Amino acid sequence: MKLKDRKQIFEKPEKELKKSLSEAKDDLFKLEVELSQRKLKNTRQIFWKKKEIALILTALKEKELAAKGEGK
């Protein structure tokens, strides 16, 4: 994932991040099914999808903490 893409993830609103997270988890499941069926050619895709999910979760947590900090 390119640095530009990472910056875009942190700029997205929370609702859009949750949607992206759901889609990424679905994609990861599909990749794992393809791997188990030996159809997946590039196994590195699973690694990158997991990194993308972690990045989205980090952005969500950051937004949650920022909102909690503003509420005090």
N, C-alpha and C. Protein backbone atom coordinates (compact mmCIF):
# COMPACT_ATOMS: atom_id res chain seq x y z
N MET A 1 0.85 -1.17 0.00
CA MET A 1 0.00 0.00 0.00
C MET A 1 0.89 1.23 0.00
N LYS A 2 0.58 2.14 -0.86
CA LYS A 2 1.39 3.34 -1.00
C LYS A 2 1.08 4.34 0.11
N LEU A 3 2.03 5.22 0.36
CA LEU A 3 1.88 6.22 1.40
C LEU A 3 0.67 7.10 1.14
N LYS A 4 0.43 7.42 -0.13
CA LYS A 4 -0.72 8.25 -0.49
C LYS A 4 -2.03 7.56 -0.08
N ASP A 5 -2.11 6.25 -0.29
CA ASP A 5 -3.30 5.49 0.09
C ASP A 5 -3.49 5.48 1.60
N ARG A 6 -2.39 5.39 2.33
CA ARG A 6 -2.47 5.39 3.79
C ARG A 6 -3.02 6.72 4.29
N LYS A 7 -2.56 7.81 3.71
CA LYS A 7 -3.04 9.12 4.12
C LYS A 7 -4.53 9.26 3.83
N GLN A 8 -4.96 8.71 2.71
CA GLN A 8 -6.38 8.79 2.35
C GLN A 8 -7.25 8.03 3.35
N ILE A 9 -6.74 6.92 3.87
CA ILE A 9 -7.50 6.14 4.84
C ILE A 9 -7.75 6.97 6.09
N PHE A 10 -6.74 7.69 6.55
CA PHE A 10 -6.89 8.47 7.78
C PHE A 10 -7.75 9.71 7.57
N GLU A 11 -7.98 10.11 6.33
CA GLU A 11 -8.81 11.27 6.04
C GLU A 11 -10.29 10.91 5.88
N LYS A 12 -10.60 9.64 5.72
CA LYS A 12 -11.98 9.21 5.50
C LYS A 12 -12.81 9.38 6.77
N PRO A 13 -14.11 9.64 6.62
CA PRO A 13 -14.99 9.70 7.79
C PRO A 13 -15.20 8.30 8.38
N GLU A 14 -15.65 8.27 9.61
CA GLU A 14 -15.80 7.02 10.34
C GLU A 14 -16.75 6.03 9.65
N LYS A 15 -17.84 6.54 9.13
CA LYS A 15 -18.83 5.68 8.47
C LYS A 15 -18.22 4.98 7.25
N GLU A 16 -17.45 5.73 6.49
CA GLU A 16 -16.81 5.17 5.30
C GLU A 16 -15.72 4.16 5.68
N LEU A 17 -15.03 4.42 6.80
CA LEU A 17 -14.01 3.48 7.28
C LEU A 17 -14.64 2.15 7.67
N LYS A 18 -15.79 2.21 8.32
CA LYS A 18 -16.47 0.98 8.73
C LYS A 18 -16.90 0.17 7.51
N LYS A 19 -17.34 0.87 6.47
CA LYS A 19 -17.73 0.20 5.23
C LYS A 19 -16.50 -0.45 4.59
N SER A 20 -15.40 0.29 4.56
CA SER A 20 -14.15 -0.23 3.99
C SER A 20 -13.65 -1.44 4.77
N LEU A 21 -13.81 -1.39 6.09
CA LEU A 21 -13.38 -2.50 6.93
C LEU A 21 -14.19 -3.76 6.61
N SER A 22 -15.48 -3.58 6.47
CA SER A 22 -16.35 -4.72 6.14
C SER A 22 -15.95 -5.33 4.79
N GLU A 23 -15.72 -4.49 3.81
CA GLU A 23 -15.33 -4.97 2.48
C GLU A 23 -13.97 -5.67 2.52
N ALA A 24 -13.04 -5.11 3.28
CA ALA A 24 -11.70 -5.70 3.38
C ALA A 24 -11.76 -7.08 4.04
N LYS A 25 -12.60 -7.21 5.07
CA LYS A 25 -12.74 -8.50 5.73
C LYS A 25 -13.37 -9.54 4.80
N ASP A 26 -14.34 -9.10 3.99
CA ASP A 26 -14.94 -10.01 3.01
C ASP A 26 -13.91 -10.45 1.98
N ASP A 27 -13.10 -9.49 1.52
CA ASP A 27 -12.05 -9.81 0.55
C ASP A 27 -11.03 -10.79 1.14
N LEU A 28 -10.67 -10.59 2.40
CA LEU A 28 -9.73 -11.49 3.05
C LEU A 28 -10.30 -12.89 3.13
N PHE A 29 -11.57 -13.00 3.46
CA PHE A 29 -12.21 -14.31 3.53
C PHE A 29 -12.15 -15.00 2.16
N LYS A 30 -12.46 -14.24 1.12
CA LYS A 30 -12.43 -14.82 -0.23
C LYS A 30 -11.02 -15.28 -0.61
N LEU A 31 -10.02 -14.48 -0.24
CA LEU A 31 -8.64 -14.85 -0.53
C LEU A 31 -8.25 -16.13 0.21
N GLU A 32 -8.69 -16.25 1.46
CA GLU A 32 -8.36 -17.45 2.23
C GLU A 32 -9.06 -18.69 1.66
N VAL A 33 -10.27 -18.51 1.16
CA VAL A 33 -10.97 -19.63 0.53
C VAL A 33 -10.23 -20.04 -0.74
N GLU A 34 -9.83 -19.07 -1.54
CA GLU A 34 -9.07 -19.38 -2.75
C GLU A 34 -7.76 -20.09 -2.42
N LEU A 35 -7.11 -19.68 -1.33
CA LEU A 35 -5.87 -20.31 -0.92
C LEU A 35 -6.11 -21.76 -0.54
N SER A 36 -7.20 -22.02 0.19
CA SER A 36 -7.49 -23.39 0.60
C SER A 36 -7.85 -24.28 -0.60
N GLN A 37 -8.38 -23.67 -1.64
CA GLN A 37 -8.73 -24.41 -2.85
C GLN A 37 -7.57 -24.46 -3.84
N ARG A 38 -6.46 -23.87 -3.45
CA ARG A 38 -5.23 -23.81 -4.27
C ARG A 38 -5.46 -23.07 -5.59
N LYS A 39 -6.32 -22.07 -5.57
CA LYS A 39 -6.57 -21.24 -6.75
C LYS A 39 -5.79 -19.94 -6.71
N LEU A 40 -5.34 -19.56 -5.52
CA LEU A 40 -4.67 -18.29 -5.33
C LEU A 40 -3.22 -18.38 -5.81
N LYS A 41 -2.87 -17.52 -6.76
CA LYS A 41 -1.52 -17.52 -7.33
C LYS A 41 -0.57 -16.70 -6.47
N ASN A 42 -1.01 -15.52 -6.04
CA ASN A 42 -0.16 -14.62 -5.27
C ASN A 42 -0.60 -14.64 -3.81
N THR A 43 0.08 -15.41 -2.99
CA THR A 43 -0.30 -15.54 -1.59
C THR A 43 0.03 -14.27 -0.80
N ARG A 44 0.82 -13.41 -1.36
CA ARG A 44 1.19 -12.16 -0.70
C ARG A 44 -0.03 -11.24 -0.54
N GLN A 45 -1.05 -11.46 -1.35
CA GLN A 45 -2.27 -10.65 -1.27
C GLN A 45 -2.91 -10.75 0.12
N ILE A 46 -2.83 -11.92 0.73
CA ILE A 46 -3.40 -12.11 2.07
C ILE A 46 -2.67 -11.21 3.06
N PHE A 47 -1.36 -11.18 2.97
CA PHE A 47 -0.55 -10.32 3.84
C PHE A 47 -0.95 -8.86 3.69
N TRP A 48 -1.07 -8.38 2.46
CA TRP A 48 -1.40 -6.98 2.23
C TRP A 48 -2.82 -6.64 2.68
N LYS A 49 -3.74 -7.57 2.53
CA LYS A 49 -5.11 -7.33 2.96
C LYS A 49 -5.18 -7.24 4.49
N LYS A 50 -4.40 -8.07 5.19
CA LYS A 50 -4.36 -7.99 6.64
C LYS A 50 -3.78 -6.66 7.10
N LYS A 51 -2.76 -6.19 6.40
CA LYS A 51 -2.17 -4.89 6.73
C LYS A 51 -3.19 -3.77 6.51
N GLU A 52 -3.97 -3.88 5.44
CA GLU A 52 -4.99 -2.87 5.16
C GLU A 52 -6.04 -2.85 6.27
N ILE A 53 -6.46 -4.03 6.72
CA ILE A 53 -7.44 -4.12 7.81
C ILE A 53 -6.88 -3.50 9.07
N ALA A 54 -5.64 -3.78 9.39
CA ALA A 54 -5.01 -3.22 10.59
C ALA A 54 -4.94 -1.70 10.50
N LEU A 55 -4.65 -1.19 9.33
CA LEU A 55 -4.56 0.26 9.13
C LEU A 55 -5.94 0.92 9.31
N ILE A 56 -6.97 0.28 8.80
CA ILE A 56 -8.32 0.81 8.95
C ILE A 56 -8.73 0.80 10.42
N LEU A 57 -8.42 -0.29 11.11
CA LEU A 57 -8.74 -0.38 12.54
C LEU A 57 -8.00 0.69 13.34
N THR A 58 -6.76 0.96 12.96
CA THR A 58 -5.98 2.01 13.62
C THR A 58 -6.63 3.37 13.41
N ALA A 59 -7.05 3.64 12.18
CA ALA A 59 -7.69 4.92 11.88
C ALA A 59 -9.00 5.06 12.66
N LEU A 60 -9.77 3.98 12.75
CA LEU A 60 -11.03 4.02 13.51
C LEU A 60 -10.77 4.29 14.99
N LYS A 61 -9.77 3.62 15.54
CA LYS A 61 -9.45 3.82 16.95
C LYS A 61 -8.97 5.25 17.21
N GLU A 62 -8.19 5.78 16.27
CA GLU A 62 -7.71 7.16 16.40
C GLU A 62 -8.88 8.15 16.41
N LYS A 63 -9.83 7.94 15.53
CA LYS A 63 -11.01 8.81 15.48
C LYS A 63 -11.85 8.68 16.74
N GLU A 64 -11.97 7.45 17.25
CA GLU A 64 -12.73 7.21 18.47
C GLU A 64 -12.09 7.94 19.65
N LEU A 65 -10.78 7.85 19.76
CA LEU A 65 -10.08 8.51 20.86
C LEU A 65 -10.14 10.03 20.73
N ALA A 66 -10.08 10.52 19.50
CA ALA A 66 -10.17 11.96 19.28
C ALA A 66 -11.57 12.46 19.68
N ALA A 67 -12.60 11.71 19.36
CA ALA A 67 -13.95 12.09 19.71
C ALA A 67 -14.14 12.05 21.23
N LYS A 68 -13.54 11.06 21.85
CA LYS A 68 -13.64 10.93 23.30
C LYS A 68 -12.91 12.09 23.98
N GLY A 69 -11.78 12.50 23.42
CA GLY A 69 -11.01 13.61 23.97
C GLY A 69 -11.74 14.94 23.83
N GLU A 70 -12.49 15.11 22.76
CA GLU A 70 -13.25 16.34 22.55
C GLU A 70 -14.46 16.40 23.47
N GLY A 71 -14.96 15.25 23.86
CA GLY A 71 -16.15 15.20 24.70
C GLY A 71 -15.89 15.59 26.14
N LYS A 72 -14.65 15.55 26.56
CA LYS A 72 -14.32 15.87 27.96
C LYS A 72 -14.42 17.35 28.25
